[in-house]
Amino acid sequence: MNASSSAAPGRELAGPPVAVVTGGARGLGLALAERFAAAGHRVVVGDLEGEALRAAAARLGDDHLAVAADVTRPEDTARLAEAAVERYGRLDVWVNNAGVLADGPLAEQDPGLAAAMSRVNLDGTANGCRAALGVMLPAGRGRIVNVSSLTALKPLAGLAHYSATKAAVAALSAALHREVKGSGVRVTAVLPHLLDTPAGSGLRARPTAALAPERVAGLVVRLVTRGSRRQSVCVPWWAGPALRPAAFLPGVLRDLLDDLMRLDEIALGRDTRRRARYTAELRARYGGGAARPVPAERPAATAGRPAAAGQPAAADQPAKDSA
């Protein structure tokens, strides 16, 4: 099927709007799916196969769709777009939320986990954008939301590779905005502070508490439903005005501010016991590098086939979750 056949420019589409959310089985992704559903959207949740995806399908109900998909595979993100068009006849919103967060000093980090962050956080976002644009550009309408992080503006010790991938997502979003300007498709990057999700477990939130994923999800849905033209949104809102000017300060002053706010403790002072379960999931799927040897076995990639709400997906795999 050619997903781009869903609509011609200017044509009024029947039925409620449709939103695709990647990494939608838990954490911020699940909060986004539930908020979009509550706002009247039909939701297509994409995530790795497993119990989390089955549970998300059951929570959302039969009006919505759960699809087993690995965003690092372009064919899987393409199937997500096709599933939306085949089931609902349209695609209005695409949220690239899937992400992984491996922490620790770069010199000690498992190269397999570092590579996974690049593949999921950046390549997965690019794959999602291409899949969405395949439908949205011919239709002359649509909204892409890319979940970045405040670490794009303030990189953190102990999250060096993660910060780099999220800065890349922000840059991709800004460049893509220019590429599709005037097409009817809008691109927005959302940069949240540390989230209270499995990916953020054990990290020490500073200078403010970790955000509830429902708060960020609510903001994203409001941006979409109100037709906001904002290209970049920080959560909380004051973080952008606070962090962007700091980039122009001399390095010695930036170091002084970091030390005063004890920002290095966010990741370097993490609670490894609280992070143990999430880290074990990451290592089981992506580990195997020389810096920190772990079992090299990797489950076969997900085939990206639909699992209608309430129907079981296949064997369990750790879910991706944005941080």
Protein backbone atom coordinates (compact mmCIF):
# COMPACT_ATOMS: atom_id res chain seq x y z
CA MET A 1 0.00 0.00 0.00
CA ASN A 2 1.11 3.57 -0.71
CA ALA A 3 0.38 5.45 2.49
CA SER A 4 0.60 8.80 0.72
CA SER A 5 -2.69 8.06 -0.99
CA SER A 6 -4.65 8.96 2.16
CA ALA A 7 -5.67 12.46 1.10
CA ALA A 8 -5.20 15.14 -1.51
CA PRO A 9 -4.26 18.73 -0.55
CA GLY A 10 -7.28 20.70 0.59
CA ARG A 11 -9.56 17.69 0.88
CA GLU A 12 -11.66 17.51 4.03
CA LEU A 13 -11.11 14.20 5.78
CA ALA A 14 -13.83 12.22 7.50
CA GLY A 15 -13.61 10.99 11.06
CA PRO A 16 -11.64 12.16 14.09
CA PRO A 17 -7.97 13.20 13.77
CA VAL A 18 -5.35 10.46 14.05
CA ALA A 19 -2.13 10.59 16.09
CA VAL A 20 0.82 8.17 15.97
CA VAL A 21 2.94 7.98 19.13
CA THR A 22 6.21 6.04 19.06
CA GLY A 23 7.48 4.52 22.29
CA GLY A 24 3.86 4.74 23.35
CA ALA A 25 3.57 1.73 25.64
CA ARG A 26 4.72 3.39 28.84
CA GLY A 27 6.09 6.56 30.42
CA LEU A 28 5.64 9.76 28.46
CA GLY A 29 4.50 7.83 25.38
CA LEU A 30 1.57 6.23 27.18
CA ALA A 31 0.64 9.56 28.76
CA LEU A 32 0.65 11.12 25.27
CA ALA A 33 -1.51 8.33 23.86
CA GLU A 34 -4.06 8.70 26.65
CA ARG A 35 -4.19 12.50 26.37
CA PHE A 36 -4.64 12.39 22.60
CA ALA A 37 -7.39 9.80 23.02
CA ALA A 38 -9.11 11.98 25.63
CA ALA A 39 -8.91 14.93 23.21
CA GLY A 40 -10.83 12.97 20.59
CA HIS A 41 -8.03 11.54 18.49
CA ARG A 42 -7.71 7.99 17.29
CA VAL A 43 -4.28 6.85 18.45
CA VAL A 44 -1.79 4.44 16.89
CA VAL A 45 0.73 3.37 19.52
CA GLY A 46 4.03 2.03 18.23
CA ASP A 47 6.45 0.20 20.50
CA LEU A 48 8.45 -2.97 20.83
CA GLU A 49 6.46 -6.15 21.32
CA GLY A 50 5.86 -7.25 24.87
CA GLU A 51 3.69 -6.95 27.94
CA ALA A 52 3.85 -3.15 27.99
CA LEU A 53 2.42 -2.93 24.47
CA ARG A 54 -0.35 -5.39 25.30
CA ALA A 55 -1.20 -3.43 28.45
CA ALA A 56 -1.29 -0.14 26.53
CA ALA A 57 -3.62 -1.68 23.94
CA ALA A 58 -5.97 -2.84 26.69
CA ARG A 59 -5.96 0.56 28.42
CA LEU A 60 -6.70 2.50 25.23
CA GLY A 61 -9.49 0.23 24.02
CA ASP A 62 -10.75 -0.97 20.66
CA ASP A 63 -11.08 2.47 19.09
CA HIS A 64 -7.31 2.69 19.00
CA LEU A 65 -4.48 0.61 17.57
CA ALA A 66 -1.26 -0.86 18.97
CA VAL A 67 1.47 -1.76 16.48
CA ALA A 68 4.64 -3.70 17.19
CA ALA A 69 7.41 -1.54 15.74
CA ASP A 70 11.13 -0.88 16.20
CA VAL A 71 11.81 2.74 15.22
CA THR A 72 15.40 1.91 14.27
CA ARG A 73 13.96 0.02 11.29
CA PRO A 74 12.64 2.36 8.55
CA GLU A 75 10.29 -0.37 7.34
CA ASP A 76 8.67 -0.48 10.78
CA THR A 77 8.00 3.25 10.95
CA ALA A 78 6.61 3.04 7.41
CA ARG A 79 4.23 0.31 8.61
CA LEU A 80 3.07 2.57 11.43
CA ALA A 81 2.03 5.21 8.89
CA GLU A 82 0.38 2.56 6.71
CA ALA A 83 -1.49 1.14 9.70
CA ALA A 84 -2.91 4.58 10.51
CA VAL A 85 -4.06 5.17 6.95
CA GLU A 86 -5.46 1.66 6.48
CA ARG A 87 -7.42 1.73 9.74
CA TYR A 88 -8.56 5.36 9.86
CA GLY A 89 -7.96 6.85 6.40
CA ARG A 90 -5.80 9.72 7.62
CA LEU A 91 -2.74 10.77 9.62
CA ASP A 92 -2.72 14.15 11.37
CA VAL A 93 -0.12 14.00 14.13
CA TRP A 94 3.12 12.06 14.56
CA VAL A 95 4.99 12.19 17.88
CA ASN A 96 8.54 10.83 17.84
CA ASN A 97 8.79 9.95 21.51
CA ALA A 98 10.70 6.64 21.52
CA GLY A 99 14.03 7.00 23.27
CA VAL A 100 16.56 5.32 25.52
CA LEU A 101 18.74 6.85 28.23
CA ALA A 102 21.98 5.16 29.25
CA ASP A 103 23.95 7.00 31.92
CA GLY A 104 27.47 7.05 33.31
CA PRO A 105 30.83 8.57 32.38
CA LEU A 106 31.51 8.27 28.65
CA ALA A 107 34.83 6.50 29.18
CA GLU A 108 33.04 3.73 31.10
CA GLN A 109 29.92 3.45 28.96
CA ASP A 110 29.11 0.28 27.09
CA PRO A 111 29.58 1.17 23.40
CA GLY A 112 26.53 -0.94 22.60
CA LEU A 113 24.37 1.30 24.78
CA ALA A 114 25.89 4.43 23.27
CA ALA A 115 25.14 3.14 19.79
CA ALA A 116 21.58 2.31 20.86
CA MET A 117 21.00 5.90 21.93
CA SER A 118 22.14 7.12 18.53
CA ARG A 119 19.98 4.59 16.68
CA VAL A 120 16.82 5.03 18.74
CA ASN A 121 16.93 8.68 19.77
CA LEU A 122 18.24 10.18 16.53
CA ASP A 123 17.84 7.64 13.74
CA GLY A 124 14.47 6.54 15.10
CA THR A 125 13.28 10.15 15.08
CA ALA A 126 14.49 10.64 11.51
CA ASN A 127 12.78 7.41 10.44
CA GLY A 128 9.54 8.56 12.03
CA CYS A 129 9.74 11.96 10.34
CA ARG A 130 10.23 10.36 6.93
CA ALA A 131 7.30 8.00 7.47
CA ALA A 132 5.04 10.84 8.59
CA LEU A 133 6.06 13.11 5.73
CA GLY A 134 5.23 10.38 3.24
CA VAL A 135 1.59 10.90 4.22
CA MET A 136 1.52 14.52 5.35
CA LEU A 137 3.29 16.25 2.46
CA PRO A 138 0.92 14.88 -0.23
CA ALA A 139 -2.03 15.76 2.04
CA GLY A 140 -0.72 19.28 2.61
CA ARG A 141 -1.32 19.08 6.36
CA GLY A 142 0.02 17.54 9.54
CA ARG A 143 2.05 18.07 12.70
CA ILE A 144 5.27 16.34 13.70
CA VAL A 145 6.38 16.62 17.33
CA ASN A 146 9.91 15.47 18.19
CA VAL A 147 10.67 14.86 21.86
CA SER A 148 14.11 16.22 22.63
CA SER A 149 15.36 17.19 26.11
CA LEU A 150 16.69 20.16 28.05
CA THR A 151 20.04 18.39 27.79
CA ALA A 152 20.03 19.67 24.21
CA LEU A 153 20.55 23.13 25.73
CA LYS A 154 22.47 22.09 28.85
CA PRO A 155 24.52 18.92 28.30
CA LEU A 156 25.13 17.01 31.51
CA ALA A 157 28.11 15.11 32.84
CA GLY A 158 27.21 11.44 32.94
CA LEU A 159 24.79 11.92 30.06
CA ALA A 160 27.27 13.00 27.39
CA HIS A 161 26.10 10.70 24.59
CA TYR A 162 22.44 11.10 25.51
CA SER A 163 22.80 14.90 25.52
CA ALA A 164 24.41 14.74 22.09
CA THR A 165 21.55 12.70 20.62
CA LYS A 166 18.93 15.05 22.04
CA ALA A 167 20.78 18.09 20.72
CA ALA A 168 20.77 16.36 17.35
CA VAL A 169 16.99 15.84 17.59
CA ALA A 170 16.54 19.58 18.25
CA ALA A 171 18.78 20.41 15.28
CA LEU A 172 16.94 17.94 13.04
CA SER A 173 13.63 19.53 14.03
CA ALA A 174 14.83 23.05 13.26
CA ALA A 175 16.22 22.02 9.87
CA LEU A 176 13.12 20.03 9.00
CA HIS A 177 10.94 23.02 9.87
CA ARG A 178 12.73 24.96 7.14
CA GLU A 179 12.47 22.08 4.66
CA VAL A 180 8.68 21.81 4.97
CA LYS A 181 7.91 25.51 5.50
CA GLY A 182 4.85 26.46 3.49
CA SER A 183 3.78 22.84 2.91
CA GLY A 184 1.06 22.79 5.55
CA VAL A 185 3.18 20.49 7.76
CA ARG A 186 4.49 21.90 11.03
CA VAL A 187 7.43 20.59 13.08
CA THR A 188 7.88 21.23 16.78
CA ALA A 189 10.62 20.12 19.16
CA VAL A 190 9.65 19.65 22.81
CA LEU A 191 12.49 19.88 25.32
CA PRO A 192 11.39 18.61 28.76
CA HIS A 193 13.31 18.53 31.99
CA LEU A 194 13.99 15.13 33.56
CA LEU A 195 10.82 13.02 33.60
CA ASP A 196 9.45 10.81 36.34
CA THR A 197 9.48 7.71 34.13
CA PRO A 198 11.41 4.42 34.10
CA ALA A 199 14.10 6.03 31.93
CA GLY A 200 14.63 8.77 34.50
CA SER A 201 14.54 6.51 37.56
CA GLY A 202 17.39 7.06 39.98
CA LEU A 203 18.62 10.28 38.40
CA ARG A 204 18.78 13.22 40.81
CA ALA A 205 16.62 16.00 39.37
CA ARG A 206 18.06 19.50 39.80
CA PRO A 207 17.37 22.40 40.12
CA THR A 208 13.68 21.43 40.08
CA ALA A 209 11.80 18.18 40.63
CA ALA A 210 11.29 15.61 37.89
CA LEU A 211 8.25 16.28 35.72
CA ALA A 212 5.17 14.09 35.68
CA PRO A 213 4.81 12.70 32.14
CA GLU A 214 1.14 13.76 32.15
CA ARG A 215 2.22 17.39 32.43
CA VAL A 216 4.37 17.20 29.30
CA ALA A 217 1.73 15.17 27.46
CA GLY A 218 -0.92 17.75 28.25
CA LEU A 219 1.27 20.52 26.87
CA VAL A 220 1.93 18.60 23.64
CA VAL A 221 -1.76 17.92 23.07
CA ARG A 222 -2.60 21.60 23.68
CA LEU A 223 0.05 22.67 21.17
CA VAL A 224 -1.46 20.38 18.57
CA THR A 225 -5.14 21.02 19.19
CA ARG A 226 -4.68 24.81 19.34
CA GLY A 227 -2.64 24.87 16.13
CA SER A 228 0.40 26.47 17.79
CA ARG A 229 3.12 27.66 15.42
CA ARG A 230 5.87 27.30 18.02
CA GLN A 231 8.94 25.54 16.68
CA SER A 232 10.55 24.73 20.03
CA VAL A 233 9.02 24.41 23.50
CA CYS A 234 10.83 23.92 26.80
CA VAL A 235 9.18 22.33 29.82
CA PRO A 236 9.11 24.07 32.23
CA TRP A 237 8.72 27.20 30.09
CA TRP A 238 11.31 29.25 31.98
CA ALA A 239 14.11 26.79 31.23
CA GLY A 240 14.60 28.11 27.70
CA PRO A 241 15.08 31.78 28.68
CA ALA A 242 17.35 30.63 31.52
CA LEU A 243 19.54 28.21 29.57
CA ARG A 244 19.91 29.75 26.12
CA PRO A 245 21.70 32.95 27.27
CA ALA A 246 24.04 30.88 29.44
CA ALA A 247 25.59 29.43 26.28
CA PHE A 248 27.14 32.85 25.61
CA LEU A 249 28.83 33.11 29.01
CA PRO A 250 32.57 32.47 29.36
CA GLY A 251 33.36 28.86 30.14
CA VAL A 252 34.67 29.68 33.61
CA LEU A 253 31.31 31.24 34.54
CA ARG A 254 29.38 28.30 33.13
CA ASP A 255 31.51 25.95 35.23
CA LEU A 256 30.87 28.08 38.30
CA LEU A 257 27.10 27.97 37.75
CA ASP A 258 27.19 24.21 37.20
CA ASP A 259 29.10 23.75 40.44
CA LEU A 260 26.79 26.04 42.41
CA MET A 261 23.71 24.19 41.17
CA ARG A 262 25.45 20.80 41.55
CA LEU A 263 24.31 19.77 38.09
CA ASP A 264 26.93 17.04 37.78
CA GLU A 265 25.09 15.14 40.51
CA ILE A 266 22.05 14.62 38.28
CA ALA A 267 23.64 11.67 36.49
CA LEU A 268 27.03 11.10 38.13
CA GLY A 269 25.31 10.95 41.53
CA ARG A 270 22.53 8.66 40.33
CA ASP A 271 20.96 6.01 42.54
CA THR A 272 22.17 2.86 40.78
CA ARG A 273 19.78 0.63 42.73
CA ARG A 274 16.75 2.57 41.52
CA ARG A 275 18.10 2.49 37.96
CA ALA A 276 18.97 -1.20 38.08
CA ARG A 277 15.84 -2.56 36.39
CA TYR A 278 15.82 -0.06 33.53
CA THR A 279 19.57 -0.45 33.00
CA ALA A 280 19.25 -4.23 32.95
CA GLU A 281 16.62 -3.96 30.20
CA LEU A 282 18.91 -1.78 28.12
CA ARG A 283 21.89 -4.10 28.55
CA ALA A 284 19.84 -7.17 27.71
CA ARG A 285 18.79 -5.67 24.40
CA TYR A 286 21.65 -3.39 23.37
CA GLY A 287 24.72 -4.25 25.45
CA GLY A 288 27.84 -6.13 24.48
CA GLY A 289 30.52 -3.47 24.03
CA ALA A 290 34.10 -3.68 25.28
CA ALA A 291 33.83 -0.97 27.92
CA ARG A 292 31.34 -2.93 30.02
CA PRO A 293 30.93 -6.52 28.85
CA VAL A 294 27.37 -7.87 28.93
CA PRO A 295 25.66 -10.82 27.22
CA ALA A 296 25.76 -10.26 23.48
CA GLU A 297 22.47 -12.01 22.71
CA ARG A 298 19.99 -9.64 21.05
CA PRO A 299 16.35 -10.50 20.37
CA ALA A 300 15.26 -10.56 16.78
CA ALA A 301 13.93 -7.23 15.50
CA THR A 302 10.19 -6.68 15.72
CA ALA A 303 8.27 -7.12 12.51
CA GLY A 304 6.08 -4.03 12.93
CA ARG A 305 2.74 -5.78 12.50
CA PRO A 306 -0.48 -4.40 13.98
CA ALA A 307 -1.79 -5.80 17.25
CA ALA A 308 -5.32 -4.50 17.57
CA ALA A 309 -6.20 -3.12 20.97
CA GLY A 310 -6.78 -5.95 23.38
CA GLN A 311 -5.06 -8.58 21.19
CA PRO A 312 -1.75 -10.09 22.35
CA ALA A 313 1.55 -9.17 20.78
CA ALA A 314 4.44 -11.64 20.61
CA ALA A 315 7.31 -12.38 22.99
CA ASP A 316 8.25 -9.81 25.62
CA GLN A 317 10.98 -7.29 24.91
CA PRO A 318 11.97 -4.21 26.91
CA ALA A 319 9.98 -1.14 25.85
CA LYS A 320 11.56 2.11 24.77
CA ASP A 321 10.68 5.17 26.80
CA SER A 322 11.50 8.80 26.34
CA ALA A 323 13.37 10.70 29.01
